[in-house]
């Protein structure tokens, strides 16, 4: 939402919400722990999962032309640099 989706119309929001690239099955406890945080504030504890997660977030952000703030970008670069 804070990355640019707040400006979207209802149809674009629905497309985004139903985009298979943006959907990831996970445990409820993991989802609650993550909340609405981006990779600058939350990462999976497992390093290999963090690599896949960040790569996926980056791809979705690029595909949907969403913003990436400095903290998020730094975190993404650090994680991906170690993959």
C-alpha atoms as a PDB file:
ATOM      1  CA  UNK A   1       0.000   0.000   0.000  1.00  0.00           C
ATOM      2  CA  UNK A   2       2.727   2.438   1.054  1.00  0.00           C
ATOM      3  CA  UNK A   3       4.778   1.450  -2.003  1.00  0.00           C
ATOM      4  CA  UNK A   4       2.353   3.082  -4.407  1.00  0.00           C
ATOM      5  CA  UNK A   5      -0.754   0.902  -4.487  1.00  0.00           C
ATOM      6  CA  UNK A   6      -2.749   3.501  -2.538  1.00  0.00           C
ATOM      7  CA  UNK A   7      -3.102   5.402  -5.821  1.00  0.00           C
ATOM      8  CA  UNK A   8      -4.513   2.423  -7.707  1.00  0.00           C
ATOM      9  CA  UNK A   9      -8.133   2.019  -8.739  1.00  0.00           C
ATOM     10  CA  UNK A  10     -10.197  -0.943  -7.523  1.00  0.00           C
ATOM     11  CA  UNK A  11      -9.628  -3.023 -10.669  1.00  0.00           C
ATOM     12  CA  UNK A  12      -5.836  -2.706 -10.460  1.00  0.00           C
ATOM     13  CA  UNK A  13      -5.921  -3.618  -6.756  1.00  0.00           C
ATOM     14  CA  UNK A  14      -7.915  -6.749  -7.561  1.00  0.00           C
ATOM     15  CA  UNK A  15      -5.445  -7.715 -10.304  1.00  0.00           C
ATOM     16  CA  UNK A  16      -2.553  -7.276  -7.894  1.00  0.00           C
ATOM     17  CA  UNK A  17      -4.277  -9.211  -5.100  1.00  0.00           C
ATOM     18  CA  UNK A  18      -4.917 -12.129  -7.453  1.00  0.00           C
ATOM     19  CA  UNK A  19      -1.572 -12.126  -9.258  1.00  0.00           C
ATOM     20  CA  UNK A  20      -0.015 -15.589  -8.740  1.00  0.00           C
ATOM     21  CA  UNK A  21       3.419 -13.947  -8.500  1.00  0.00           C
ATOM     22  CA  UNK A  22       2.152 -12.037  -5.472  1.00  0.00           C
ATOM     23  CA  UNK A  23       0.585 -15.033  -3.702  1.00  0.00           C
ATOM     24  CA  UNK A  24       2.602 -17.309  -1.456  1.00  0.00           C
ATOM     25  CA  UNK A  25       1.211 -20.003   0.804  1.00  0.00           C
ATOM     26  CA  UNK A  26       2.718 -19.894   4.271  1.00  0.00           C
ATOM     27  CA  UNK A  27       1.988 -20.691   7.899  1.00  0.00           C
ATOM     28  CA  UNK A  28      -0.469 -18.342   9.624  1.00  0.00           C
ATOM     29  CA  UNK A  29       2.060 -17.588  12.375  1.00  0.00           C
ATOM     30  CA  UNK A  30       4.671 -16.543   9.782  1.00  0.00           C
ATOM     31  CA  UNK A  31       2.160 -14.354   7.992  1.00  0.00           C
ATOM     32  CA  UNK A  32       1.110 -12.688  11.258  1.00  0.00           C
ATOM     33  CA  UNK A  33       4.745 -12.135  12.200  1.00  0.00           C
ATOM     34  CA  UNK A  34       5.473 -10.474   8.875  1.00  0.00           C
ATOM     35  CA  UNK A  35       2.325  -8.351   8.825  1.00  0.00           C
ATOM     36  CA  UNK A  36       2.659  -5.588   6.257  1.00  0.00           C
ATOM     37  CA  UNK A  37       6.410  -5.203   6.690  1.00  0.00           C
ATOM     38  CA  UNK A  38       8.716  -5.088   3.690  1.00  0.00           C
ATOM     39  CA  UNK A  39      12.164  -6.738   3.433  1.00  0.00           C
ATOM     40  CA  UNK A  40      13.686  -3.705   5.134  1.00  0.00           C
ATOM     41  CA  UNK A  41      11.881  -4.659   8.343  1.00  0.00           C
ATOM     42  CA  UNK A  42      11.209  -8.410   8.057  1.00  0.00           C
ATOM     43  CA  UNK A  43      12.911 -11.426   6.491  1.00  0.00           C
ATOM     44  CA  UNK A  44      12.402 -15.171   6.836  1.00  0.00           C
ATOM     45  CA  UNK A  45      14.750 -16.627   9.450  1.00  0.00           C
ATOM     46  CA  UNK A  46      15.920 -19.321   7.033  1.00  0.00           C
ATOM     47  CA  UNK A  47      18.600 -17.836   4.738  1.00  0.00           C
ATOM     48  CA  UNK A  48      17.624 -19.814   1.623  1.00  0.00           C
ATOM     49  CA  UNK A  49      13.993 -18.826   2.105  1.00  0.00           C
ATOM     50  CA  UNK A  50      15.068 -15.210   2.574  1.00  0.00           C
ATOM     51  CA  UNK A  51      16.845 -15.333  -0.807  1.00  0.00           C
ATOM     52  CA  UNK A  52      13.768 -16.673  -2.572  1.00  0.00           C
ATOM     53  CA  UNK A  53      11.459 -14.289  -0.714  1.00  0.00           C
ATOM     54  CA  UNK A  54      13.490 -11.177  -1.545  1.00  0.00           C
ATOM     55  CA  UNK A  55      13.896 -12.210  -5.190  1.00  0.00           C
ATOM     56  CA  UNK A  56      10.139 -12.647  -5.403  1.00  0.00           C
ATOM     57  CA  UNK A  57       9.418  -9.300  -3.714  1.00  0.00           C
ATOM     58  CA  UNK A  58      11.819  -7.563  -6.102  1.00  0.00           C
ATOM     59  CA  UNK A  59      10.152  -9.171  -9.125  1.00  0.00           C
ATOM     60  CA  UNK A  60       6.658  -8.199  -7.929  1.00  0.00           C
ATOM     61  CA  UNK A  61       7.741  -4.636  -7.162  1.00  0.00           C
ATOM     62  CA  UNK A  62       9.259  -4.308 -10.630  1.00  0.00           C
ATOM     63  CA  UNK A  63       6.285  -5.909 -12.387  1.00  0.00           C
ATOM     64  CA  UNK A  64       3.779  -3.649 -10.621  1.00  0.00           C
ATOM     65  CA  UNK A  65       6.024  -0.557 -10.651  1.00  0.00           C
ATOM     66  CA  UNK A  66       5.991  -0.197  -6.886  1.00  0.00           C
ATOM     67  CA  UNK A  67       8.370   1.982  -4.899  1.00  0.00           C
ATOM     68  CA  UNK A  68      11.283   0.667  -2.875  1.00  0.00           C
ATOM     69  CA  UNK A  69      12.570   2.839  -0.032  1.00  0.00           C
ATOM     70  CA  UNK A  70      16.241   3.066   0.911  1.00  0.00           C
ATOM     71  CA  UNK A  71      16.054   0.722   3.917  1.00  0.00           C
ATOM     72  CA  UNK A  72      14.230  -1.897   1.885  1.00  0.00           C
ATOM     73  CA  UNK A  73      16.661  -1.573  -1.032  1.00  0.00           C
ATOM     74  CA  UNK A  74      19.696  -1.917   1.246  1.00  0.00           C
ATOM     75  CA  UNK A  75      18.221  -5.026   2.867  1.00  0.00           C
ATOM     76  CA  UNK A  76      17.327  -6.564  -0.479  1.00  0.00           C
ATOM     77  CA  UNK A  77      20.827  -5.950  -1.837  1.00  0.00           C
ATOM     78  CA  UNK A  78      22.424  -7.472   1.244  1.00  0.00           C
ATOM     79  CA  UNK A  79      20.287 -10.594   1.119  1.00  0.00           C
ATOM     80  CA  UNK A  80      20.591 -11.105  -2.616  1.00  0.00           C
ATOM     81  CA  UNK A  81      24.339 -10.494  -2.494  1.00  0.00           C
ATOM     82  CA  UNK A  82      24.671 -13.538  -0.244  1.00  0.00           C
ATOM     83  CA  UNK A  83      22.486 -15.887  -2.233  1.00  0.00           C
END
